N, C-alpha and C. Protein backbone atom coordinates (compact mmCIF):
# COMPACT_ATOMS: atom_id res chain seq x y z
N GLN A 1 20.07 3.34 -5.50
CA GLN A 1 18.88 4.15 -5.63
C GLN A 1 17.65 3.27 -5.45
N VAL A 2 16.75 3.69 -4.59
CA VAL A 2 15.55 2.91 -4.30
C VAL A 2 14.48 3.19 -5.35
N GLN A 3 13.89 2.12 -5.86
CA GLN A 3 12.76 2.25 -6.77
C GLN A 3 11.66 1.30 -6.35
N LEU A 4 10.44 1.80 -6.39
CA LEU A 4 9.26 1.00 -6.11
C LEU A 4 8.34 1.13 -7.32
N VAL A 5 8.01 0.00 -7.93
CA VAL A 5 7.20 0.03 -9.15
C VAL A 5 5.93 -0.78 -8.93
N GLU A 6 4.82 -0.08 -8.93
CA GLU A 6 3.53 -0.75 -8.72
C GLU A 6 2.97 -1.27 -10.04
N SER A 7 2.18 -2.33 -9.95
CA SER A 7 1.46 -2.86 -11.10
C SER A 7 0.22 -3.58 -10.60
N GLY A 8 -0.66 -3.90 -11.54
CA GLY A 8 -1.85 -4.66 -11.19
C GLY A 8 -3.13 -3.87 -11.11
N GLY A 9 -3.02 -2.56 -11.24
CA GLY A 9 -4.23 -1.75 -11.22
C GLY A 9 -5.05 -1.96 -12.48
N GLY A 10 -6.27 -1.44 -12.47
CA GLY A 10 -7.13 -1.58 -13.64
C GLY A 10 -8.57 -1.32 -13.29
N LEU A 11 -9.43 -1.77 -14.20
CA LEU A 11 -10.87 -1.58 -14.06
C LEU A 11 -11.51 -2.87 -13.57
N VAL A 12 -12.33 -2.77 -12.53
CA VAL A 12 -12.94 -3.96 -11.96
C VAL A 12 -14.35 -3.61 -11.49
N GLN A 13 -15.23 -4.58 -11.60
CA GLN A 13 -16.61 -4.36 -11.17
C GLN A 13 -16.70 -4.46 -9.64
N SER A 14 -17.62 -3.73 -9.08
CA SER A 14 -17.86 -3.78 -7.64
C SER A 14 -18.09 -5.22 -7.20
N GLY A 15 -17.43 -5.60 -6.10
CA GLY A 15 -17.50 -6.97 -5.61
C GLY A 15 -16.36 -7.84 -6.09
N GLY A 16 -15.62 -7.35 -7.06
CA GLY A 16 -14.52 -8.11 -7.63
C GLY A 16 -13.24 -7.98 -6.83
N SER A 17 -12.16 -8.55 -7.39
CA SER A 17 -10.88 -8.57 -6.71
C SER A 17 -9.76 -8.12 -7.65
N LEU A 18 -8.71 -7.61 -7.05
CA LEU A 18 -7.48 -7.28 -7.76
C LEU A 18 -6.32 -7.54 -6.82
N ARG A 19 -5.16 -7.84 -7.41
CA ARG A 19 -3.95 -7.92 -6.61
C ARG A 19 -2.93 -6.94 -7.16
N LEU A 20 -2.52 -6.04 -6.32
CA LEU A 20 -1.48 -5.09 -6.68
C LEU A 20 -0.12 -5.65 -6.27
N SER A 21 0.88 -5.35 -7.09
CA SER A 21 2.25 -5.74 -6.80
C SER A 21 3.12 -4.50 -6.74
N CYS A 22 4.16 -4.59 -5.94
CA CYS A 22 5.14 -3.51 -5.84
C CYS A 22 6.52 -4.13 -5.86
N ALA A 23 7.19 -4.01 -6.99
CA ALA A 23 8.53 -4.56 -7.14
C ALA A 23 9.54 -3.54 -6.64
N ALA A 24 10.38 -3.95 -5.71
CA ALA A 24 11.34 -3.04 -5.10
C ALA A 24 12.75 -3.33 -5.59
N SER A 25 13.54 -2.27 -5.70
CA SER A 25 14.96 -2.39 -5.97
C SER A 25 15.67 -1.33 -5.14
N GLY A 26 16.90 -1.63 -4.77
CA GLY A 26 17.66 -0.69 -3.95
C GLY A 26 17.44 -0.89 -2.45
N LEU A 27 16.50 -1.73 -2.08
CA LEU A 27 16.32 -2.11 -0.69
C LEU A 27 15.67 -3.49 -0.66
N THR A 28 15.79 -4.14 0.48
CA THR A 28 15.23 -5.48 0.66
C THR A 28 13.94 -5.36 1.46
N VAL A 29 12.82 -5.71 0.85
CA VAL A 29 11.53 -5.52 1.52
C VAL A 29 11.43 -6.29 2.82
N GLY A 30 12.21 -7.37 2.94
CA GLY A 30 12.17 -8.13 4.17
C GLY A 30 12.73 -7.38 5.36
N ASP A 31 13.57 -6.37 5.10
CA ASP A 31 14.23 -5.64 6.17
C ASP A 31 13.60 -4.29 6.48
N TYR A 32 12.63 -3.88 5.67
CA TYR A 32 12.05 -2.55 5.81
C TYR A 32 10.54 -2.63 6.02
N THR A 33 10.02 -1.63 6.68
CA THR A 33 8.58 -1.49 6.82
C THR A 33 8.00 -1.03 5.48
N VAL A 34 6.95 -1.69 5.03
CA VAL A 34 6.35 -1.35 3.75
C VAL A 34 4.84 -1.18 3.92
N GLY A 35 4.26 -0.45 3.01
CA GLY A 35 2.82 -0.22 3.12
C GLY A 35 2.22 0.27 1.83
N TRP A 36 0.92 0.51 1.86
CA TRP A 36 0.18 1.03 0.73
C TRP A 36 -0.63 2.25 1.17
N VAL A 37 -0.62 3.23 0.31
CA VAL A 37 -1.36 4.48 0.54
C VAL A 37 -2.20 4.72 -0.71
N ARG A 38 -3.38 5.27 -0.55
CA ARG A 38 -4.19 5.57 -1.74
C ARG A 38 -4.67 7.01 -1.72
N GLN A 39 -4.93 7.49 -2.93
CA GLN A 39 -5.41 8.86 -3.10
C GLN A 39 -6.51 8.84 -4.15
N ALA A 40 -7.68 9.25 -3.75
CA ALA A 40 -8.82 9.28 -4.67
C ALA A 40 -8.57 10.32 -5.77
N PRO A 41 -9.06 10.07 -6.98
CA PRO A 41 -8.91 11.05 -8.05
C PRO A 41 -9.48 12.41 -7.66
N GLY A 42 -8.70 13.44 -7.87
CA GLY A 42 -9.15 14.79 -7.53
C GLY A 42 -8.88 15.18 -6.09
N ALA A 43 -8.47 14.23 -5.27
CA ALA A 43 -8.19 14.54 -3.86
C ALA A 43 -6.82 15.19 -3.73
N LYS A 44 -6.65 15.93 -2.67
CA LYS A 44 -5.37 16.58 -2.43
C LYS A 44 -4.41 15.58 -1.79
N PRO A 45 -3.09 15.80 -1.96
CA PRO A 45 -2.12 14.90 -1.32
C PRO A 45 -2.34 14.75 0.18
N ALA A 46 -2.79 15.83 0.82
CA ALA A 46 -3.02 15.76 2.26
C ALA A 46 -4.16 14.81 2.61
N GLU A 47 -4.96 14.46 1.59
CA GLU A 47 -6.11 13.57 1.82
C GLU A 47 -5.77 12.11 1.52
N ARG A 48 -4.51 11.85 1.28
CA ARG A 48 -4.13 10.47 1.06
C ARG A 48 -4.45 9.62 2.28
N GLU A 49 -4.81 8.39 2.02
CA GLU A 49 -5.19 7.46 3.10
C GLU A 49 -4.21 6.31 3.17
N GLY A 50 -3.54 6.15 4.29
CA GLY A 50 -2.73 4.97 4.51
C GLY A 50 -3.65 3.81 4.78
N ILE A 51 -3.57 2.75 3.99
CA ILE A 51 -4.54 1.68 4.14
C ILE A 51 -3.96 0.40 4.70
N SER A 52 -2.64 0.21 4.56
CA SER A 52 -2.07 -1.03 5.07
C SER A 52 -0.57 -0.89 5.26
N CYS A 53 -0.04 -1.68 6.19
CA CYS A 53 1.37 -1.56 6.54
C CYS A 53 1.84 -2.86 7.18
N ILE A 54 3.10 -3.24 6.90
CA ILE A 54 3.73 -4.38 7.58
C ILE A 54 4.95 -3.86 8.30
N SER A 55 5.01 -4.08 9.60
CA SER A 55 6.15 -3.64 10.39
C SER A 55 7.37 -4.52 10.14
N SER A 56 8.54 -3.92 10.01
CA SER A 56 9.76 -4.68 9.75
C SER A 56 10.24 -5.43 10.98
N ILE A 57 9.91 -4.95 12.17
CA ILE A 57 10.42 -5.57 13.40
C ILE A 57 9.76 -6.91 13.67
N ASP A 58 8.42 -6.92 13.59
CA ASP A 58 7.71 -8.13 14.02
C ASP A 58 6.76 -8.67 12.96
N GLY A 59 6.69 -8.03 11.81
CA GLY A 59 5.84 -8.53 10.74
C GLY A 59 4.36 -8.33 10.98
N ILE A 60 4.01 -7.58 12.00
CA ILE A 60 2.59 -7.32 12.27
C ILE A 60 2.02 -6.45 11.16
N THR A 61 0.81 -6.80 10.76
CA THR A 61 0.14 -6.04 9.71
C THR A 61 -0.92 -5.12 10.30
N TYR A 62 -1.08 -3.99 9.65
CA TYR A 62 -2.03 -2.98 10.10
C TYR A 62 -2.91 -2.59 8.91
N TYR A 63 -4.17 -2.27 9.23
CA TYR A 63 -5.10 -1.88 8.18
C TYR A 63 -5.97 -0.72 8.64
N ALA A 64 -6.31 0.13 7.69
CA ALA A 64 -7.30 1.16 7.96
C ALA A 64 -8.67 0.49 8.09
N ASP A 65 -9.53 1.07 8.87
CA ASP A 65 -10.87 0.50 9.06
C ASP A 65 -11.62 0.35 7.74
N SER A 66 -11.33 1.24 6.81
CA SER A 66 -12.05 1.24 5.54
C SER A 66 -11.77 0.00 4.69
N VAL A 67 -10.66 -0.70 4.97
CA VAL A 67 -10.31 -1.87 4.15
C VAL A 67 -10.16 -3.14 4.98
N LYS A 68 -10.25 -3.02 6.29
CA LYS A 68 -10.06 -4.17 7.17
C LYS A 68 -11.04 -5.29 6.83
N GLY A 69 -10.51 -6.49 6.70
CA GLY A 69 -11.35 -7.63 6.37
C GLY A 69 -11.51 -7.86 4.88
N ARG A 70 -11.10 -6.90 4.07
CA ARG A 70 -11.22 -7.03 2.61
C ARG A 70 -9.86 -7.05 1.91
N PHE A 71 -8.89 -6.31 2.44
CA PHE A 71 -7.57 -6.21 1.84
C PHE A 71 -6.56 -6.96 2.69
N THR A 72 -5.54 -7.53 2.02
CA THR A 72 -4.47 -8.23 2.72
C THR A 72 -3.14 -7.81 2.14
N ILE A 73 -2.25 -7.36 3.00
CA ILE A 73 -0.90 -6.99 2.58
C ILE A 73 0.04 -8.17 2.86
N SER A 74 1.00 -8.36 1.97
CA SER A 74 2.00 -9.40 2.17
C SER A 74 3.26 -9.00 1.43
N LYS A 75 4.33 -9.71 1.73
CA LYS A 75 5.56 -9.46 0.99
C LYS A 75 6.30 -10.76 0.78
N ASP A 76 6.99 -10.82 -0.35
CA ASP A 76 7.77 -11.99 -0.74
C ASP A 76 9.23 -11.55 -0.82
N SER A 77 10.01 -11.95 0.16
CA SER A 77 11.41 -11.51 0.20
C SER A 77 12.21 -12.06 -0.97
N ALA A 78 11.88 -13.26 -1.41
CA ALA A 78 12.62 -13.88 -2.52
C ALA A 78 12.42 -13.07 -3.81
N LYS A 79 11.22 -12.54 -3.99
CA LYS A 79 10.93 -11.75 -5.18
C LYS A 79 11.10 -10.27 -4.92
N ASN A 80 11.40 -9.92 -3.67
CA ASN A 80 11.54 -8.52 -3.26
C ASN A 80 10.33 -7.70 -3.70
N THR A 81 9.17 -8.24 -3.41
CA THR A 81 7.92 -7.65 -3.88
C THR A 81 6.90 -7.59 -2.73
N VAL A 82 6.14 -6.52 -2.74
CA VAL A 82 5.05 -6.34 -1.78
C VAL A 82 3.73 -6.47 -2.54
N TYR A 83 2.75 -7.08 -1.92
CA TYR A 83 1.46 -7.29 -2.57
C TYR A 83 0.34 -6.67 -1.75
N LEU A 84 -0.73 -6.35 -2.44
CA LEU A 84 -1.97 -5.95 -1.78
C LEU A 84 -3.11 -6.68 -2.47
N GLN A 85 -3.63 -7.68 -1.80
CA GLN A 85 -4.79 -8.41 -2.31
C GLN A 85 -6.05 -7.67 -1.89
N MET A 86 -6.84 -7.29 -2.87
CA MET A 86 -8.04 -6.51 -2.61
C MET A 86 -9.27 -7.30 -3.04
N ASN A 87 -10.11 -7.63 -2.09
CA ASN A 87 -11.33 -8.38 -2.35
C ASN A 87 -12.55 -7.53 -2.01
N SER A 88 -13.69 -7.96 -2.50
CA SER A 88 -14.96 -7.27 -2.23
C SER A 88 -14.84 -5.77 -2.48
N LEU A 89 -14.29 -5.45 -3.63
CA LEU A 89 -14.03 -4.04 -3.94
C LEU A 89 -15.32 -3.24 -4.04
N LYS A 90 -15.22 -1.99 -3.62
CA LYS A 90 -16.35 -1.07 -3.64
C LYS A 90 -15.99 0.13 -4.53
N THR A 91 -16.99 0.84 -4.98
CA THR A 91 -16.71 2.00 -5.82
C THR A 91 -15.87 3.03 -5.09
N GLU A 92 -16.02 3.09 -3.78
CA GLU A 92 -15.23 4.05 -3.01
C GLU A 92 -13.77 3.65 -2.86
N ASP A 93 -13.40 2.47 -3.34
CA ASP A 93 -11.99 2.05 -3.36
C ASP A 93 -11.26 2.61 -4.58
N THR A 94 -12.00 3.25 -5.48
CA THR A 94 -11.37 3.86 -6.65
C THR A 94 -10.34 4.90 -6.22
N ALA A 95 -9.10 4.71 -6.65
CA ALA A 95 -8.01 5.60 -6.22
C ALA A 95 -6.72 5.22 -6.94
N PHE A 96 -5.76 6.10 -6.80
CA PHE A 96 -4.38 5.76 -7.14
C PHE A 96 -3.79 5.09 -5.89
N TYR A 97 -3.14 3.96 -6.11
CA TYR A 97 -2.55 3.21 -5.01
C TYR A 97 -1.03 3.30 -5.11
N TYR A 98 -0.44 3.72 -4.00
CA TYR A 98 1.00 3.93 -3.95
C TYR A 98 1.63 2.96 -2.95
N CYS A 99 2.74 2.39 -3.36
CA CYS A 99 3.55 1.56 -2.48
C CYS A 99 4.55 2.47 -1.77
N VAL A 100 4.74 2.25 -0.49
CA VAL A 100 5.72 3.03 0.27
C VAL A 100 6.64 2.08 1.03
N ALA A 101 7.88 2.50 1.21
CA ALA A 101 8.85 1.71 1.97
C ALA A 101 9.61 2.67 2.87
N SER A 102 9.88 2.23 4.07
CA SER A 102 10.53 3.09 5.04
C SER A 102 11.92 3.50 4.59
N GLY A 103 12.32 4.69 5.04
CA GLY A 103 13.64 5.19 4.68
C GLY A 103 14.76 4.53 5.44
N THR A 104 14.45 3.98 6.60
CA THR A 104 15.45 3.27 7.39
C THR A 104 14.84 1.98 7.93
N ARG A 105 15.69 1.08 8.40
CA ARG A 105 15.21 -0.17 8.98
C ARG A 105 14.48 0.07 10.31
N HIS A 106 14.66 1.25 10.90
CA HIS A 106 14.08 1.51 12.21
C HIS A 106 12.67 2.08 12.11
N ASP A 107 12.31 2.60 10.96
CA ASP A 107 10.97 3.18 10.82
C ASP A 107 9.92 2.09 10.84
N GLN A 108 8.77 2.45 11.41
CA GLN A 108 7.72 1.46 11.63
C GLN A 108 6.36 1.98 11.19
N CYS A 109 5.37 1.13 11.27
CA CYS A 109 3.99 1.53 11.03
C CYS A 109 3.52 2.34 12.25
N ILE A 110 2.90 3.46 12.02
CA ILE A 110 2.39 4.27 13.12
C ILE A 110 0.99 4.75 12.80
N MET A 111 0.22 4.97 13.86
CA MET A 111 -1.13 5.52 13.69
C MET A 111 -1.09 6.96 14.17
N THR A 112 -1.40 7.87 13.26
CA THR A 112 -1.39 9.29 13.60
C THR A 112 -2.82 9.84 13.58
N SER A 113 -2.93 11.12 13.85
CA SER A 113 -4.25 11.76 13.83
C SER A 113 -4.83 11.76 12.42
N THR A 114 -3.96 11.59 11.43
CA THR A 114 -4.44 11.56 10.04
C THR A 114 -4.48 10.15 9.48
N GLY A 115 -4.21 9.17 10.32
CA GLY A 115 -4.35 7.79 9.88
C GLY A 115 -3.05 7.00 9.93
N LEU A 116 -3.09 5.85 9.27
CA LEU A 116 -1.96 4.92 9.26
C LEU A 116 -0.84 5.47 8.38
N ARG A 117 0.39 5.42 8.90
CA ARG A 117 1.54 5.95 8.15
C ARG A 117 2.75 5.07 8.40
N VAL A 118 3.74 5.21 7.52
CA VAL A 118 5.08 4.69 7.76
C VAL A 118 5.89 5.86 8.31
N SER A 119 6.52 5.68 9.46
CA SER A 119 7.22 6.77 10.11
C SER A 119 8.43 7.21 9.28
N GLY A 120 8.94 8.37 9.62
CA GLY A 120 10.11 8.90 8.94
C GLY A 120 9.79 9.42 7.56
N ALA A 121 10.73 9.28 6.65
CA ALA A 121 10.59 9.79 5.28
C ALA A 121 10.63 8.62 4.32
N PRO A 122 9.48 7.98 4.10
CA PRO A 122 9.48 6.78 3.27
C PRO A 122 9.68 7.07 1.78
N TYR A 123 10.10 6.06 1.08
CA TYR A 123 10.16 6.10 -0.38
C TYR A 123 8.77 5.80 -0.94
N TRP A 124 8.49 6.39 -2.12
CA TRP A 124 7.19 6.21 -2.74
C TRP A 124 7.33 5.69 -4.16
N GLY A 125 6.42 4.85 -4.56
CA GLY A 125 6.31 4.50 -5.96
C GLY A 125 5.50 5.56 -6.69
N LYS A 126 5.31 5.36 -8.00
CA LYS A 126 4.57 6.35 -8.79
C LYS A 126 3.08 6.08 -8.83
N GLY A 127 2.67 4.93 -8.34
CA GLY A 127 1.26 4.64 -8.21
C GLY A 127 0.65 3.86 -9.35
N THR A 128 -0.46 3.22 -9.06
CA THR A 128 -1.24 2.51 -10.07
C THR A 128 -2.71 2.79 -9.80
N LEU A 129 -3.48 2.99 -10.85
CA LEU A 129 -4.88 3.39 -10.71
C LEU A 129 -5.80 2.18 -10.64
N VAL A 130 -6.64 2.18 -9.64
CA VAL A 130 -7.69 1.18 -9.51
C VAL A 130 -9.04 1.88 -9.66
N THR A 131 -9.84 1.39 -10.59
CA THR A 131 -11.16 1.97 -10.82
C THR A 131 -12.20 0.89 -10.63
N VAL A 132 -13.10 1.10 -9.68
CA VAL A 132 -14.15 0.14 -9.38
C VAL A 132 -15.48 0.72 -9.85
N PHE A 133 -16.18 -0.01 -10.74
CA PHE A 133 -17.46 0.48 -11.26
C PHE A 133 -18.60 -0.40 -10.76
N SER A 134 -19.78 0.20 -10.67
CA SER A 134 -20.93 -0.55 -10.16
C SER A 134 -21.72 -1.20 -11.28
């Protein structure tokens, strides 16, 4: 059974940094495409924003324009953990952050009309809340 458990969320002042972690079990993050999706408080699920992704085939990283240059995704195969380093945080970064992992080794990062996604039917964590105050 696949489980993704996020941690590291919290309250941070604008301009500050946080690092989110996603501990995986039931799959090896080194073999699967993984990413982060966020949902602002009160937003509908359809309004979720894919913000970052690492492709399993070539390790290429992808970022939404809203976080490019500020956020960095990485993964540690030895710890079976995915990270999201978030710097220069803004109040508009306030959201629930979800870790996602592809359902198969073949699924990849894709850009759709609604933004960055992991293809297929990915697994989801339960999320961690990041609140950025000014």
